[in-house]
N, C-alpha and C. Protein backbone atom coordinates (compact mmCIF):
# COMPACT_ATOMS: atom_id res chain seq x y z
N MET A 1 88.67 -4.07 -76.25
CA MET A 1 87.26 -4.38 -76.46
C MET A 1 86.38 -3.50 -75.56
N LEU A 2 86.80 -3.32 -74.32
CA LEU A 2 85.98 -2.52 -73.41
C LEU A 2 85.85 -1.08 -73.88
N LYS A 3 86.87 -0.57 -74.55
CA LYS A 3 86.80 0.80 -75.03
C LYS A 3 85.67 0.96 -76.04
N THR A 4 85.39 -0.08 -76.81
CA THR A 4 84.33 0.04 -77.81
C THR A 4 82.97 -0.32 -77.23
N LEU A 5 82.93 -1.06 -76.11
CA LEU A 5 81.65 -1.42 -75.52
C LEU A 5 80.89 -0.18 -75.03
N LEU A 6 81.58 0.70 -74.31
CA LEU A 6 80.88 1.77 -73.63
C LEU A 6 80.21 2.76 -74.58
N PRO A 7 80.92 3.31 -75.58
CA PRO A 7 80.27 4.29 -76.45
C PRO A 7 79.05 3.73 -77.17
N ARG A 8 79.14 2.49 -77.61
CA ARG A 8 78.00 1.93 -78.34
C ARG A 8 76.81 1.74 -77.42
N ARG A 9 77.08 1.34 -76.18
CA ARG A 9 75.97 1.18 -75.26
C ARG A 9 75.35 2.54 -74.97
N LEU A 10 76.19 3.56 -74.84
CA LEU A 10 75.67 4.90 -74.56
C LEU A 10 74.86 5.44 -75.73
N LEU A 11 75.15 4.96 -76.92
CA LEU A 11 74.39 5.42 -78.09
C LEU A 11 73.00 4.82 -78.14
N GLY A 12 72.71 3.88 -77.24
CA GLY A 12 71.34 3.41 -77.08
C GLY A 12 70.97 2.20 -77.90
N GLY A 13 71.96 1.38 -78.29
CA GLY A 13 71.62 0.13 -78.95
C GLY A 13 70.91 -0.80 -77.98
N THR A 14 70.14 -1.72 -78.51
CA THR A 14 69.51 -2.70 -77.64
C THR A 14 70.58 -3.57 -77.01
N SER A 15 70.32 -4.03 -75.79
CA SER A 15 71.37 -4.73 -75.05
C SER A 15 71.83 -5.97 -75.80
N VAL A 16 70.89 -6.76 -76.29
CA VAL A 16 71.28 -7.97 -77.02
C VAL A 16 71.99 -7.60 -78.31
N GLY A 17 71.51 -6.59 -78.99
CA GLY A 17 72.12 -6.19 -80.25
C GLY A 17 73.56 -5.77 -80.10
N TRP A 18 73.85 -4.92 -79.10
CA TRP A 18 75.24 -4.46 -79.00
C TRP A 18 76.14 -5.56 -78.48
N ILE A 19 75.61 -6.45 -77.63
CA ILE A 19 76.43 -7.57 -77.17
C ILE A 19 76.76 -8.47 -78.35
N ASP A 20 75.75 -8.79 -79.16
CA ASP A 20 75.99 -9.66 -80.32
C ASP A 20 77.00 -9.03 -81.27
N SER A 21 76.87 -7.74 -81.53
CA SER A 21 77.79 -7.11 -82.47
C SER A 21 79.20 -7.06 -81.90
N GLU A 22 79.33 -6.81 -80.59
CA GLU A 22 80.65 -6.79 -79.98
C GLU A 22 81.29 -8.16 -80.04
N ILE A 23 80.51 -9.20 -79.71
CA ILE A 23 81.06 -10.56 -79.76
C ILE A 23 81.46 -10.90 -81.18
N HIS A 24 80.62 -10.53 -82.14
CA HIS A 24 80.91 -10.83 -83.54
C HIS A 24 82.20 -10.14 -83.97
N GLU A 25 82.34 -8.87 -83.64
CA GLU A 25 83.56 -8.14 -84.01
C GLU A 25 84.77 -8.72 -83.31
N TRP A 26 84.60 -9.09 -82.03
CA TRP A 26 85.72 -9.66 -81.27
C TRP A 26 86.16 -10.97 -81.90
N LEU A 27 85.18 -11.81 -82.29
CA LEU A 27 85.52 -13.08 -82.94
C LEU A 27 86.22 -12.83 -84.26
N GLN A 28 85.76 -11.83 -85.01
CA GLN A 28 86.43 -11.53 -86.28
C GLN A 28 87.86 -11.09 -86.05
N GLU A 29 88.09 -10.26 -85.02
CA GLU A 29 89.45 -9.84 -84.71
C GLU A 29 90.31 -11.04 -84.37
N LYS A 30 89.77 -11.95 -83.54
CA LYS A 30 90.53 -13.14 -83.16
C LYS A 30 90.82 -14.00 -84.38
N GLN A 31 89.85 -14.10 -85.29
CA GLN A 31 90.05 -14.91 -86.49
C GLN A 31 91.12 -14.29 -87.37
N VAL A 32 91.13 -12.97 -87.47
CA VAL A 32 92.16 -12.30 -88.26
C VAL A 32 93.53 -12.54 -87.65
N GLU A 33 93.61 -12.43 -86.31
CA GLU A 33 94.89 -12.69 -85.64
C GLU A 33 95.36 -14.12 -85.93
N ARG A 34 94.43 -15.07 -85.84
CA ARG A 34 94.77 -16.46 -86.09
C ARG A 34 95.17 -16.65 -87.55
N ASP A 35 94.46 -15.96 -88.44
CA ASP A 35 94.76 -16.08 -89.86
C ASP A 35 96.18 -15.59 -90.13
N MET A 36 96.56 -14.48 -89.50
CA MET A 36 97.89 -13.94 -89.69
C MET A 36 98.93 -14.87 -89.08
N ARG A 37 98.57 -15.53 -87.98
CA ARG A 37 99.52 -16.37 -87.29
C ARG A 37 99.70 -17.71 -87.98
N HIS A 38 98.60 -18.28 -88.47
CA HIS A 38 98.63 -19.66 -88.97
C HIS A 38 98.44 -19.78 -90.47
N GLY A 39 98.07 -18.70 -91.12
CA GLY A 39 97.83 -18.77 -92.55
C GLY A 39 96.37 -19.02 -92.85
N PRO A 40 95.93 -18.65 -94.05
CA PRO A 40 94.51 -18.68 -94.40
C PRO A 40 93.91 -20.07 -94.38
N SER A 41 94.71 -21.11 -94.59
CA SER A 41 94.12 -22.45 -94.67
C SER A 41 93.54 -22.90 -93.33
N ARG A 42 94.18 -22.50 -92.22
CA ARG A 42 93.72 -22.96 -90.91
C ARG A 42 93.18 -21.84 -90.04
N GLY A 43 93.31 -20.62 -90.49
CA GLY A 43 93.11 -19.50 -89.58
C GLY A 43 91.67 -19.14 -89.29
N TRP A 44 90.71 -19.68 -90.03
CA TRP A 44 89.34 -19.18 -89.90
C TRP A 44 88.42 -20.12 -89.15
N GLY A 45 88.93 -21.27 -88.71
CA GLY A 45 88.06 -22.17 -87.96
C GLY A 45 87.86 -21.70 -86.54
N LEU A 46 86.67 -21.93 -85.99
CA LEU A 46 86.41 -21.55 -84.60
C LEU A 46 86.61 -22.75 -83.70
């Protein structure tokens, strides 16, 4: 995750915007991992 934080911040996104997008992408990655681990029926709940 940290590898993707730095370049986007350097590209000049607004602080809130890039934090929100990073969190959103991180949550999506976690959901995909959970989906693969538990199956689609349970994998997408937060």
